Amino acid sequence: MTHYETMYIVHPALEAGRLKDLILSVEKSMHNVGGTTTAINVWGKKKLAYPINKERYGMYILFQFQTDGKSNKEFNLGLDHNSNILAYLTTKIDEDSIMSDLPNLDNQLGLSSATQEERKVENDKNSNLDESDDNQEQETSNKNTETEA
């Protein structure tokens, strides 16, 4: 079996839940033609180099898979017929180019509750830092006032 990757660009208006459904349908179509998924990496929303279907932004997804190569034409035809996919490119890759240790799809899309909790903790830390900075500024201001008097 040979390793391939497909970089595809999805319409930017898709919400995270619908985007996940689209990614899973692309993965399912690969499984239907006899391939196996090795990695999915969501790069996120990026500005396109030139407009595609009057869109200036797109969601980039890198999909790595393993197949015999005979079914790539059928897989690419499915991508062609999906109106939410603006563009795609499938290339053959070496085995050492396969990504590993990627977070699961829910974490990449921000759908995981653990990810939301981590963001909340991070925001709380940042707000505590802001409060301590404000307290230090107030103390410095009080010291300056006492020094002047």
C-alpha atoms as a PDB file:
ATOM      1  CA  MET A   1       0.000   0.000   0.000  1.00  0.00           C
ATOM      2  CA  THR A   2       1.176   3.501  -0.843  1.00  0.00           C
ATOM      3  CA  HIS A   3       0.833   6.628   1.296  1.00  0.00           C
ATOM      4  CA  TYR A   4      -0.929   9.738  -0.005  1.00  0.00           C
ATOM      5  CA  GLU A   5      -2.108  13.044   1.353  1.00  0.00           C
ATOM      6  CA  THR A   6      -4.905  15.267   0.184  1.00  0.00           C
ATOM      7  CA  MET A   7      -4.970  18.929   1.103  1.00  0.00           C
ATOM      8  CA  TYR A   8      -8.466  20.245   0.618  1.00  0.00           C
ATOM      9  CA  ILE A   9      -9.978  23.655   1.205  1.00  0.00           C
ATOM     10  CA  VAL A  10     -13.487  23.841   2.610  1.00  0.00           C
ATOM     11  CA  HIS A  11     -15.967  26.702   2.361  1.00  0.00           C
ATOM     12  CA  PRO A  12     -15.214  29.086   5.263  1.00  0.00           C
ATOM     13  CA  ALA A  13     -18.854  29.505   6.340  1.00  0.00           C
ATOM     14  CA  LEU A  14     -19.118  25.956   7.702  1.00  0.00           C
ATOM     15  CA  GLU A  15     -19.506  25.792  11.469  1.00  0.00           C
ATOM     16  CA  ALA A  16     -17.360  23.428  13.512  1.00  0.00           C
ATOM     17  CA  GLY A  17     -20.050  20.734  13.790  1.00  0.00           C
ATOM     18  CA  ARG A  18     -20.821  20.763  10.083  1.00  0.00           C
ATOM     19  CA  LEU A  19     -17.106  20.883   9.295  1.00  0.00           C
ATOM     20  CA  LYS A  20     -16.569  17.766  11.393  1.00  0.00           C
ATOM     21  CA  ASP A  21     -19.382  16.008   9.477  1.00  0.00           C
ATOM     22  CA  LEU A  22     -17.744  16.963   6.171  1.00  0.00           C
ATOM     23  CA  ILE A  23     -14.319  15.726   7.314  1.00  0.00           C
ATOM     24  CA  LEU A  24     -15.828  12.443   8.482  1.00  0.00           C
ATOM     25  CA  SER A  25     -17.695  12.031   5.177  1.00  0.00           C
ATOM     26  CA  VAL A  26     -14.431  12.517   3.247  1.00  0.00           C
ATOM     27  CA  GLU A  27     -12.789   9.943   5.513  1.00  0.00           C
ATOM     28  CA  LYS A  28     -15.721   7.556   5.001  1.00  0.00           C
ATOM     29  CA  SER A  29     -15.488   7.912   1.226  1.00  0.00           C
ATOM     30  CA  MET A  30     -11.817   6.910   1.455  1.00  0.00           C
ATOM     31  CA  HIS A  31     -12.747   3.860   3.513  1.00  0.00           C
ATOM     32  CA  ASN A  32     -15.454   2.985   0.967  1.00  0.00           C
ATOM     33  CA  VAL A  33     -12.868   2.801  -1.820  1.00  0.00           C
ATOM     34  CA  GLY A  34     -10.561   0.606   0.255  1.00  0.00           C
ATOM     35  CA  GLY A  35      -8.160   3.059   1.886  1.00  0.00           C
ATOM     36  CA  THR A  36      -7.193   3.580   5.500  1.00  0.00           C
ATOM     37  CA  THR A  37      -6.749   6.890   7.297  1.00  0.00           C
ATOM     38  CA  THR A  38      -3.362   7.637   8.836  1.00  0.00           C
ATOM     39  CA  ALA A  39      -3.813  11.275   9.947  1.00  0.00           C
ATOM     40  CA  ILE A  40      -6.168  14.242   9.763  1.00  0.00           C
ATOM     41  CA  ASN A  41      -4.778  17.690  10.540  1.00  0.00           C
ATOM     42  CA  VAL A  42      -7.086  20.720  10.575  1.00  0.00           C
ATOM     43  CA  TRP A  43      -5.012  23.794   9.765  1.00  0.00           C
ATOM     44  CA  GLY A  44      -7.901  26.189  10.255  1.00  0.00           C
ATOM     45  CA  LYS A  45      -9.182  29.219   8.398  1.00  0.00           C
ATOM     46  CA  LYS A  46      -6.606  30.947   6.221  1.00  0.00           C
ATOM     47  CA  LYS A  47      -6.633  33.618   3.526  1.00  0.00           C
ATOM     48  CA  LEU A  48      -6.443  32.216   0.021  1.00  0.00           C
ATOM     49  CA  ALA A  49      -3.760  33.393  -2.392  1.00  0.00           C
ATOM     50  CA  TYR A  50      -6.495  34.140  -4.920  1.00  0.00           C
ATOM     51  CA  PRO A  51     -10.309  33.951  -4.779  1.00  0.00           C
ATOM     52  CA  ILE A  52     -11.898  30.550  -5.420  1.00  0.00           C
ATOM     53  CA  ASN A  53     -15.614  30.669  -6.224  1.00  0.00           C
ATOM     54  CA  LYS A  54     -15.570  34.299  -5.005  1.00  0.00           C
ATOM     55  CA  GLU A  55     -14.296  33.191  -1.572  1.00  0.00           C
ATOM     56  CA  ARG A  56     -11.218  34.888  -0.115  1.00  0.00           C
ATOM     57  CA  TYR A  57     -10.829  32.543   2.877  1.00  0.00           C
ATOM     58  CA  GLY A  58     -11.007  28.786   3.322  1.00  0.00           C
ATOM     59  CA  MET A  59     -10.636  26.082   5.962  1.00  0.00           C
ATOM     60  CA  TYR A  60      -7.547  23.982   5.218  1.00  0.00           C
ATOM     61  CA  ILE A  61      -7.588  20.267   6.054  1.00  0.00           C
ATOM     62  CA  LEU A  62      -4.700  17.859   5.503  1.00  0.00           C
ATOM     63  CA  PHE A  63      -5.853  14.254   5.118  1.00  0.00           C
ATOM     64  CA  GLN A  64      -3.220  11.502   5.001  1.00  0.00           C
ATOM     65  CA  PHE A  65      -4.189   7.990   3.994  1.00  0.00           C
ATOM     66  CA  GLN A  66      -2.923   4.677   2.706  1.00  0.00           C
ATOM     67  CA  THR A  67      -4.308   2.969  -0.404  1.00  0.00           C
ATOM     68  CA  ASP A  68      -3.238   0.976  -3.421  1.00  0.00           C
ATOM     69  CA  GLY A  69      -3.620   4.044  -5.676  1.00  0.00           C
ATOM     70  CA  LYS A  70      -6.170   2.523  -8.041  1.00  0.00           C
ATOM     71  CA  SER A  71      -9.068   4.081  -6.156  1.00  0.00           C
ATOM     72  CA  ASN A  72      -7.665   7.636  -6.017  1.00  0.00           C
ATOM     73  CA  LYS A  73      -9.557   8.662  -9.132  1.00  0.00           C
ATOM     74  CA  GLU A  74     -12.867   7.619  -7.574  1.00  0.00           C
ATOM     75  CA  PHE A  75     -11.964   9.358  -4.292  1.00  0.00           C
ATOM     76  CA  ASN A  76     -11.024  12.593  -6.107  1.00  0.00           C
ATOM     77  CA  LEU A  77     -14.248  12.437  -8.110  1.00  0.00           C
ATOM     78  CA  GLY A  78     -16.162  12.469  -4.811  1.00  0.00           C
ATOM     79  CA  LEU A  79     -14.238  15.572  -3.755  1.00  0.00           C
ATOM     80  CA  ASP A  80     -15.053  17.208  -7.113  1.00  0.00           C
ATOM     81  CA  HIS A  81     -18.773  16.698  -6.582  1.00  0.00           C
ATOM     82  CA  ASN A  82     -18.837  18.077  -3.034  1.00  0.00           C
ATOM     83  CA  SER A  83     -19.973  21.711  -3.262  1.00  0.00           C
ATOM     84  CA  ASN A  84     -18.431  22.591   0.131  1.00  0.00           C
ATOM     85  CA  ILE A  85     -14.915  21.724  -1.054  1.00  0.00           C
ATOM     86  CA  LEU A  86     -13.405  24.659  -2.932  1.00  0.00           C
ATOM     87  CA  ALA A  87     -10.191  22.950  -4.065  1.00  0.00           C
ATOM     88  CA  TYR A  88      -8.039  19.901  -3.352  1.00  0.00           C
ATOM     89  CA  LEU A  89      -4.735  18.331  -4.269  1.00  0.00           C
ATOM     90  CA  THR A  90      -3.727  14.691  -3.753  1.00  0.00           C
ATOM     91  CA  THR A  91      -0.035  13.794  -3.728  1.00  0.00           C
ATOM     92  CA  LYS A  92       2.011  10.701  -3.031  1.00  0.00           C
ATOM     93  CA  ILE A  93       4.166  10.939   0.100  1.00  0.00           C
ATOM     94  CA  ASP A  94       6.923   8.934   1.776  1.00  0.00           C
ATOM     95  CA  GLU A  95       6.150   6.890   4.844  1.00  0.00           C
ATOM     96  CA  ASP A  96       8.354   9.135   6.990  1.00  0.00           C
ATOM     97  CA  SER A  97       6.173  12.150   6.081  1.00  0.00           C
ATOM     98  CA  ILE A  98       3.195  10.740   7.957  1.00  0.00           C
ATOM     99  CA  MET A  99       2.127  12.876  10.905  1.00  0.00           C
ATOM    100  CA  SER A 100       1.731  11.340  14.321  1.00  0.00           C
ATOM    101  CA  ASP A 101       0.735  12.501  17.800  1.00  0.00           C
ATOM    102  CA  LEU A 102      -2.034  14.747  16.472  1.00  0.00           C
ATOM    103  CA  PRO A 103      -4.910  15.619  18.793  1.00  0.00           C
ATOM    104  CA  ASN A 104      -8.249  14.043  17.980  1.00  0.00           C
ATOM    105  CA  LEU A 105     -10.606  15.785  15.580  1.00  0.00           C
ATOM    106  CA  ASP A 106     -12.844  17.220  18.318  1.00  0.00           C
ATOM    107  CA  ASN A 107      -9.858  18.905  19.970  1.00  0.00           C
ATOM    108  CA  GLN A 108      -8.608  20.284  16.645  1.00  0.00           C
ATOM    109  CA  LEU A 109     -12.032  21.788  15.916  1.00  0.00           C
ATOM    110  CA  GLY A 110     -12.547  23.052  19.467  1.00  0.00           C
ATOM    111  CA  LEU A 111     -15.558  20.804  20.089  1.00  0.00           C
ATOM    112  CA  SER A 112     -14.159  18.952  23.082  1.00  0.00           C
ATOM    113  CA  SER A 113     -15.403  19.976  26.514  1.00  0.00           C
ATOM    114  CA  ALA A 114     -11.879  19.453  27.875  1.00  0.00           C
ATOM    115  CA  THR A 115     -10.591  22.018  25.406  1.00  0.00           C
ATOM    116  CA  GLN A 116     -13.240  24.515  26.512  1.00  0.00           C
ATOM    117  CA  GLU A 117     -12.324  23.900  30.156  1.00  0.00           C
ATOM    118  CA  GLU A 118      -8.624  24.429  29.344  1.00  0.00           C
ATOM    119  CA  ARG A 119      -9.504  27.727  27.660  1.00  0.00           C
ATOM    120  CA  LYS A 120     -11.515  28.792  30.711  1.00  0.00           C
ATOM    121  CA  VAL A 121      -8.608  27.963  33.032  1.00  0.00           C
ATOM    122  CA  GLU A 122      -6.241  29.882  30.745  1.00  0.00           C
ATOM    123  CA  ASN A 123      -8.612  32.873  30.681  1.00  0.00           C
ATOM    124  CA  ASP A 124      -8.881  32.768  34.490  1.00  0.00           C
ATOM    125  CA  LYS A 125      -5.077  32.763  34.761  1.00  0.00           C
ATOM    126  CA  ASN A 126      -4.852  35.719  32.394  1.00  0.00           C
ATOM    127  CA  SER A 127      -7.497  37.676  34.300  1.00  0.00           C
ATOM    128  CA  ASN A 128      -5.689  36.951  37.584  1.00  0.00           C
ATOM    129  CA  LEU A 129      -2.463  38.220  36.039  1.00  0.00           C
ATOM    130  CA  ASP A 130      -4.271  41.359  34.864  1.00  0.00           C
ATOM    131  CA  GLU A 131      -5.665  41.898  38.383  1.00  0.00           C
ATOM    132  CA  SER A 132      -2.209  41.474  39.951  1.00  0.00           C
ATOM    133  CA  ASP A 133      -0.778  43.953  37.425  1.00  0.00           C
ATOM    134  CA  ASP A 134      -3.530  46.421  38.362  1.00  0.00           C
ATOM    135  CA  ASN A 135      -2.791  45.898  42.072  1.00  0.00           C
ATOM    136  CA  GLN A 136       0.931  46.492  41.499  1.00  0.00           C
ATOM    137  CA  GLU A 137       0.181  49.671  39.554  1.00  0.00           C
ATOM    138  CA  GLN A 138      -2.113  50.865  42.369  1.00  0.00           C
ATOM    139  CA  GLU A 139       0.552  50.147  44.995  1.00  0.00           C
ATOM    140  CA  THR A 140       3.166  51.985  42.918  1.00  0.00           C
ATOM    141  CA  SER A 141       0.786  54.918  42.515  1.00  0.00           C
ATOM    142  CA  ASN A 142       0.122  54.982  46.289  1.00  0.00           C
ATOM    143  CA  LYS A 143       3.862  54.923  47.038  1.00  0.00           C
ATOM    144  CA  ASN A 144       4.461  57.796  44.603  1.00  0.00           C
ATOM    145  CA  THR A 145       1.686  59.831  46.261  1.00  0.00           C
ATOM    146  CA  GLU A 146       3.124  59.177  49.733  1.00  0.00           C
ATOM    147  CA  THR A 147       6.604  60.116  48.542  1.00  0.00           C
ATOM    148  CA  GLU A 148       5.368  63.411  47.099  1.00  0.00           C
ATOM    149  CA  ALA A 149       3.554  64.344  50.345  1.00  0.00           C
END
